[in-house]
Amino acid sequence: MTFASHPLASRRRFLQVAAGSVAAASLQPAVALAVAAPSPRDLALYHTHTREDIELVYALGRDYVTDALGELNVFLRDHRTGDIGRMDPRLYDLMHQIRLTLGSAQPFEIISGYRSPATNEMLRTTRGGGVARRSLHMDGRAIDVRLPGVRLADLREAALSLRAGGVGYYPREQFVHIDTGPVRSW
């Protein structure tokens, strides 16, 4: 199932809004044309648990696209409970920059995005450790990912090179954790 067919999503509406924003920018007076058009930042994601995918522009220049952020919140919902959290847009900036750093056009594979307190507690008590009591996943500030065609160690190094938050390396589980908390690694 693609994310576009998900009942909570409206990718077509988002694309229409984004196209309208670009069209409106092109109608500005000639003086404004001398200023560079806002560069779009995009993401392509595939959720390994829901089998949904999404590809969208989430920001234009310094401005985030509100509808896109809403779609990403739904896409990155707690797949166990269906609870929808509010994800930190800076995570998307990190992911976008990681993809650029690695020169990859592949969609990120999402292992875990938002995590409800109930899911976090269940994972914490049944996984033999490794899940923080106060995980940044519960605040929408963490995501667990991998990138097809990129060695996990290279993904970790790219995330570390940005020095923009926490980076956890889980080679046995085959994912890298990135978050917008303090700069640290494990």
C-alpha atoms as a PDB file:
ATOM      1  CA  MET A   1       0.000   0.000   0.000  1.00  0.00           C
ATOM      2  CA  THR A   2       1.372   3.390  -0.853  1.00  0.00           C
ATOM      3  CA  PHE A   3       1.053   6.259   1.562  1.00  0.00           C
ATOM      4  CA  ALA A   4      -0.870   8.215  -1.052  1.00  0.00           C
ATOM      5  CA  SER A   5      -3.711   5.697  -0.745  1.00  0.00           C
ATOM      6  CA  HIS A   6      -3.768   5.940   3.064  1.00  0.00           C
ATOM      7  CA  PRO A   7      -7.072   7.493   4.210  1.00  0.00           C
ATOM      8  CA  LEU A   8      -5.295  10.005   6.476  1.00  0.00           C
ATOM      9  CA  ALA A   9      -3.064  11.325   3.689  1.00  0.00           C
ATOM     10  CA  SER A  10      -3.663  13.674   0.828  1.00  0.00           C
ATOM     11  CA  ARG A  11      -0.489  13.736  -1.229  1.00  0.00           C
ATOM     12  CA  ARG A  12      -2.300  15.179  -4.226  1.00  0.00           C
ATOM     13  CA  ARG A  13      -3.474  18.122  -2.108  1.00  0.00           C
ATOM     14  CA  PHE A  14       0.082  18.698  -0.906  1.00  0.00           C
ATOM     15  CA  LEU A  15       1.483  18.609  -4.428  1.00  0.00           C
ATOM     16  CA  GLN A  16      -1.150  21.115  -5.526  1.00  0.00           C
ATOM     17  CA  VAL A  17      -0.200  23.454  -2.655  1.00  0.00           C
ATOM     18  CA  ALA A  18       3.515  23.088  -3.415  1.00  0.00           C
ATOM     19  CA  ALA A  19       2.948  23.711  -7.125  1.00  0.00           C
ATOM     20  CA  GLY A  20       0.867  26.760  -6.265  1.00  0.00           C
ATOM     21  CA  SER A  21       3.659  28.103  -4.055  1.00  0.00           C
ATOM     22  CA  VAL A  22       6.184  27.695  -6.845  1.00  0.00           C
ATOM     23  CA  ALA A  23       3.795  29.254  -9.381  1.00  0.00           C
ATOM     24  CA  ALA A  24       3.085  32.183  -7.060  1.00  0.00           C
ATOM     25  CA  ALA A  25       6.808  32.757  -6.619  1.00  0.00           C
ATOM     26  CA  SER A  26       7.226  32.934 -10.389  1.00  0.00           C
ATOM     27  CA  LEU A  27       4.647  35.736 -10.611  1.00  0.00           C
ATOM     28  CA  GLN A  28       6.669  38.139  -8.439  1.00  0.00           C
ATOM     29  CA  PRO A  29       7.958  41.385 -10.003  1.00  0.00           C
ATOM     30  CA  ALA A  30      11.120  41.213 -12.133  1.00  0.00           C
ATOM     31  CA  VAL A  31      13.229  42.640  -9.277  1.00  0.00           C
ATOM     32  CA  ALA A  32      12.362  39.637  -7.127  1.00  0.00           C
ATOM     33  CA  LEU A  33      13.504  37.286  -9.901  1.00  0.00           C
ATOM     34  CA  ALA A  34      17.096  38.335  -9.242  1.00  0.00           C
ATOM     35  CA  VAL A  35      16.822  36.607  -5.861  1.00  0.00           C
ATOM     36  CA  ALA A  36      17.267  32.849  -6.051  1.00  0.00           C
ATOM     37  CA  ALA A  37      14.081  30.817  -5.834  1.00  0.00           C
ATOM     38  CA  PRO A  38      13.709  28.964  -2.550  1.00  0.00           C
ATOM     39  CA  SER A  39      15.420  25.632  -2.870  1.00  0.00           C
ATOM     40  CA  PRO A  40      13.125  22.704  -2.103  1.00  0.00           C
ATOM     41  CA  ARG A  41      14.115  20.029   0.396  1.00  0.00           C
ATOM     42  CA  ASP A  42      12.579  16.643  -0.206  1.00  0.00           C
ATOM     43  CA  LEU A  43      12.458  13.175   1.288  1.00  0.00           C
ATOM     44  CA  ALA A  44      11.568   9.726   0.071  1.00  0.00           C
ATOM     45  CA  LEU A  45      10.662   7.181   2.754  1.00  0.00           C
ATOM     46  CA  TYR A  46       9.560   3.562   2.942  1.00  0.00           C
ATOM     47  CA  HIS A  47       8.120   2.236   6.224  1.00  0.00           C
ATOM     48  CA  THR A  48       9.260  -1.328   6.840  1.00  0.00           C
ATOM     49  CA  HIS A  49       6.307  -2.165   9.115  1.00  0.00           C
ATOM     50  CA  THR A  50       3.372  -0.585   7.278  1.00  0.00           C
ATOM     51  CA  ARG A  51       4.854  -1.085   3.779  1.00  0.00           C
ATOM     52  CA  GLU A  52       3.812   2.468   2.909  1.00  0.00           C
ATOM     53  CA  ASP A  53       5.990   4.857   0.974  1.00  0.00           C
ATOM     54  CA  ILE A  54       5.999   8.600   0.557  1.00  0.00           C
ATOM     55  CA  GLU A  55       7.962  11.119  -1.449  1.00  0.00           C
ATOM     56  CA  LEU A  56       7.439  14.825  -0.945  1.00  0.00           C
ATOM     57  CA  VAL A  57       8.887  18.300  -0.649  1.00  0.00           C
ATOM     58  CA  TYR A  58       8.759  19.189   3.039  1.00  0.00           C
ATOM     59  CA  ALA A  59      10.440  22.618   2.900  1.00  0.00           C
ATOM     60  CA  LEU A  60      10.987  25.486   0.502  1.00  0.00           C
ATOM     61  CA  GLY A  61      13.980  27.606   1.438  1.00  0.00           C
ATOM     62  CA  ARG A  62      13.793  28.329   5.162  1.00  0.00           C
ATOM     63  CA  ASP A  63      10.063  27.588   5.347  1.00  0.00           C
ATOM     64  CA  TYR A  64       8.568  24.213   6.152  1.00  0.00           C
ATOM     65  CA  VAL A  65       5.482  23.159   4.172  1.00  0.00           C
ATOM     66  CA  THR A  66       2.757  22.705   6.793  1.00  0.00           C
ATOM     67  CA  ASP A  67       0.725  20.137   4.838  1.00  0.00           C
ATOM     68  CA  ALA A  68       3.845  18.046   4.192  1.00  0.00           C
ATOM     69  CA  LEU A  69       4.752  18.062   7.883  1.00  0.00           C
ATOM     70  CA  GLY A  70       1.249  16.827   8.679  1.00  0.00           C
ATOM     71  CA  GLU A  71       1.575  14.017   6.144  1.00  0.00           C
ATOM     72  CA  LEU A  72       4.927  13.024   7.590  1.00  0.00           C
ATOM     73  CA  ASN A  73       3.450  12.971  11.109  1.00  0.00           C
ATOM     74  CA  VAL A  74       0.832  10.493   9.903  1.00  0.00           C
ATOM     75  CA  PHE A  75       3.367   8.464   7.944  1.00  0.00           C
ATOM     76  CA  LEU A  76       5.720   8.192  10.956  1.00  0.00           C
ATOM     77  CA  ARG A  77       2.931   7.324  13.392  1.00  0.00           C
ATOM     78  CA  ASP A  78       3.379   4.579  15.986  1.00  0.00           C
ATOM     79  CA  HIS A  79       2.716   1.555  13.780  1.00  0.00           C
ATOM     80  CA  ARG A  80       1.707  -0.541  16.792  1.00  0.00           C
ATOM     81  CA  THR A  81      -1.006   1.755  18.179  1.00  0.00           C
ATOM     82  CA  GLY A  82      -1.784   4.136  15.318  1.00  0.00           C
ATOM     83  CA  ASP A  83      -1.036   7.111  17.592  1.00  0.00           C
ATOM     84  CA  ILE A  84       0.192  10.135  15.670  1.00  0.00           C
ATOM     85  CA  GLY A  85       2.866  12.335  17.201  1.00  0.00           C
ATOM     86  CA  ARG A  86       4.348  15.617  16.086  1.00  0.00           C
ATOM     87  CA  MET A  87       7.768  14.995  14.568  1.00  0.00           C
ATOM     88  CA  ASP A  88      10.586  17.521  14.812  1.00  0.00           C
ATOM     89  CA  PRO A  89      11.169  18.925  11.291  1.00  0.00           C
ATOM     90  CA  ARG A  90      14.889  19.168  12.052  1.00  0.00           C
ATOM     91  CA  LEU A  91      14.957  15.359  11.738  1.00  0.00           C
ATOM     92  CA  TYR A  92      13.926  15.769   8.112  1.00  0.00           C
ATOM     93  CA  ASP A  93      16.715  18.286   7.591  1.00  0.00           C
ATOM     94  CA  LEU A  94      19.197  15.780   9.038  1.00  0.00           C
ATOM     95  CA  MET A  95      17.904  13.014   6.800  1.00  0.00           C
ATOM     96  CA  HIS A  96      17.954  15.268   3.744  1.00  0.00           C
ATOM     97  CA  GLN A  97      21.537  16.305   4.489  1.00  0.00           C
ATOM     98  CA  ILE A  98      22.618  12.699   5.109  1.00  0.00           C
ATOM     99  CA  ARG A  99      21.251  11.677   1.724  1.00  0.00           C
ATOM    100  CA  LEU A 100      23.097  14.556   0.066  1.00  0.00           C
ATOM    101  CA  THR A 101      26.307  13.719   1.927  1.00  0.00           C
ATOM    102  CA  LEU A 102      26.118  10.109   0.784  1.00  0.00           C
ATOM    103  CA  GLY A 103      24.990  10.977  -2.750  1.00  0.00           C
ATOM    104  CA  SER A 104      22.037   8.610  -2.467  1.00  0.00           C
ATOM    105  CA  ALA A 105      18.690   8.962  -4.192  1.00  0.00           C
ATOM    106  CA  GLN A 106      17.262   5.894  -2.435  1.00  0.00           C
ATOM    107  CA  PRO A 107      14.359   6.250  -0.001  1.00  0.00           C
ATOM    108  CA  PHE A 108      15.175   5.875   3.671  1.00  0.00           C
ATOM    109  CA  GLU A 109      13.777   2.704   5.204  1.00  0.00           C
ATOM    110  CA  ILE A 110      11.993   3.632   8.410  1.00  0.00           C
ATOM    111  CA  ILE A 111      12.222   1.196  11.300  1.00  0.00           C
ATOM    112  CA  SER A 112      10.726   3.462  13.959  1.00  0.00           C
ATOM    113  CA  GLY A 113       9.507   7.054  14.025  1.00  0.00           C
ATOM    114  CA  TYR A 114       7.090   8.326  16.643  1.00  0.00           C
ATOM    115  CA  ARG A 115       6.626   5.974  19.567  1.00  0.00           C
ATOM    116  CA  SER A 116       3.734   6.290  22.029  1.00  0.00           C
ATOM    117  CA  PRO A 117       4.538   6.048  25.744  1.00  0.00           C
ATOM    118  CA  ALA A 118       2.727   2.674  25.875  1.00  0.00           C
ATOM    119  CA  THR A 119       4.772   1.271  22.993  1.00  0.00           C
ATOM    120  CA  ASN A 120       7.984   2.656  24.458  1.00  0.00           C
ATOM    121  CA  GLU A 121       7.280   1.006  27.814  1.00  0.00           C
ATOM    122  CA  MET A 122       6.418  -2.303  26.147  1.00  0.00           C
ATOM    123  CA  LEU A 123       9.674  -2.249  24.155  1.00  0.00           C
ATOM    124  CA  ARG A 124      11.677  -1.174  27.201  1.00  0.00           C
ATOM    125  CA  THR A 125      10.411  -4.025  29.338  1.00  0.00           C
ATOM    126  CA  THR A 126      10.430  -6.788  26.709  1.00  0.00           C
ATOM    127  CA  ARG A 127      13.607  -6.141  24.739  1.00  0.00           C
ATOM    128  CA  GLY A 128      16.122  -6.718  27.523  1.00  0.00           C
ATOM    129  CA  GLY A 129      17.285  -3.110  27.571  1.00  0.00           C
ATOM    130  CA  GLY A 130      18.329  -0.773  24.820  1.00  0.00           C
ATOM    131  CA  VAL A 131      15.177   1.343  24.938  1.00  0.00           C
ATOM    132  CA  ALA A 132      15.375   4.503  27.031  1.00  0.00           C
ATOM    133  CA  ARG A 133      12.700   5.138  29.649  1.00  0.00           C
ATOM    134  CA  ARG A 134      12.319   8.678  28.301  1.00  0.00           C
ATOM    135  CA  SER A 135      13.065   8.022  24.622  1.00  0.00           C
ATOM    136  CA  LEU A 136      13.204  10.952  22.219  1.00  0.00           C
ATOM    137  CA  HIS A 137      10.979   8.839  19.936  1.00  0.00           C
ATOM    138  CA  MET A 138       8.115   9.759  22.293  1.00  0.00           C
ATOM    139  CA  ASP A 139       8.788  13.459  21.634  1.00  0.00           C
ATOM    140  CA  GLY A 140       8.995  13.007  17.860  1.00  0.00           C
ATOM    141  CA  ARG A 141      12.702  13.862  18.003  1.00  0.00           C
ATOM    142  CA  ALA A 142      14.186  10.486  16.982  1.00  0.00           C
ATOM    143  CA  ILE A 143      14.009   8.098  14.069  1.00  0.00           C
ATOM    144  CA  ASP A 144      15.592   4.723  13.294  1.00  0.00           C
ATOM    145  CA  VAL A 145      16.597   4.275   9.652  1.00  0.00           C
ATOM    146  CA  ARG A 146      18.698   2.539   7.067  1.00  0.00           C
ATOM    147  CA  LEU A 147      19.452   3.526   3.494  1.00  0.00           C
ATOM    148  CA  PRO A 148      19.456   0.850   0.768  1.00  0.00           C
ATOM    149  CA  GLY A 149      22.741   0.600  -1.095  1.00  0.00           C
ATOM    150  CA  VAL A 150      24.640   2.342   1.703  1.00  0.00           C
ATOM    151  CA  ARG A 151      26.666   0.418   4.244  1.00  0.00           C
ATOM    152  CA  LEU A 152      25.273   0.924   7.735  1.00  0.00           C
ATOM    153  CA  ALA A 153      28.684   2.109   8.985  1.00  0.00           C
ATOM    154  CA  ASP A 154      28.768   4.759   6.227  1.00  0.00           C
ATOM    155  CA  LEU A 155      25.280   5.933   7.167  1.00  0.00           C
ATOM    156  CA  ARG A 156      26.439   6.263  10.777  1.00  0.00           C
ATOM    157  CA  GLU A 157      29.561   8.217   9.740  1.00  0.00           C
ATOM    158  CA  ALA A 158      27.512  10.603   7.600  1.00  0.00           C
ATOM    159  CA  ALA A 159      25.137  11.270  10.507  1.00  0.00           C
ATOM    160  CA  LEU A 160      28.044  11.774  12.920  1.00  0.00           C
ATOM    161  CA  SER A 161      29.756  14.194  10.525  1.00  0.00           C
ATOM    162  CA  LEU A 162      26.803  16.599  10.775  1.00  0.00           C
ATOM    163  CA  ARG A 163      27.221  16.972  14.562  1.00  0.00           C
ATOM    164  CA  ALA A 164      23.547  17.862  14.830  1.00  0.00           C
ATOM    165  CA  GLY A 165      22.211  15.419  17.449  1.00  0.00           C
ATOM    166  CA  GLY A 166      22.477  11.897  18.739  1.00  0.00           C
ATOM    167  CA  VAL A 167      23.571   8.967  16.595  1.00  0.00           C
ATOM    168  CA  GLY A 168      23.147   5.358  17.672  1.00  0.00           C
ATOM    169  CA  TYR A 169      24.641   2.456  15.751  1.00  0.00           C
ATOM    170  CA  TYR A 170      22.813  -0.889  15.814  1.00  0.00           C
ATOM    171  CA  PRO A 171      24.567  -3.203  13.350  1.00  0.00           C
ATOM    172  CA  ARG A 172      22.922  -6.369  14.679  1.00  0.00           C
ATOM    173  CA  GLU A 173      19.452  -4.858  14.263  1.00  0.00           C
ATOM    174  CA  GLN A 174      20.505  -3.183  10.992  1.00  0.00           C
ATOM    175  CA  PHE A 175      19.608   0.454  11.664  1.00  0.00           C
ATOM    176  CA  VAL A 176      21.028   3.795  12.690  1.00  0.00           C
ATOM    177  CA  HIS A 177      19.225   5.956  15.234  1.00  0.00           C
ATOM    178  CA  ILE A 178      19.343   9.717  14.680  1.00  0.00           C
ATOM    179  CA  ASP A 179      17.816  12.357  16.897  1.00  0.00           C
ATOM    180  CA  THR A 180      17.725  16.100  17.509  1.00  0.00           C
ATOM    181  CA  GLY A 181      18.902  15.855  21.099  1.00  0.00           C
ATOM    182  CA  PRO A 182      22.379  16.735  22.351  1.00  0.00           C
ATOM    183  CA  VAL A 183      25.330  15.705  20.162  1.00  0.00           C
ATOM    184  CA  ARG A 184      26.428  12.244  21.344  1.00  0.00           C
ATOM    185  CA  SER A 185      26.946   8.767  19.964  1.00  0.00           C
ATOM    186  CA  TRP A 186      26.766   5.179  21.064  1.00  0.00           C
END
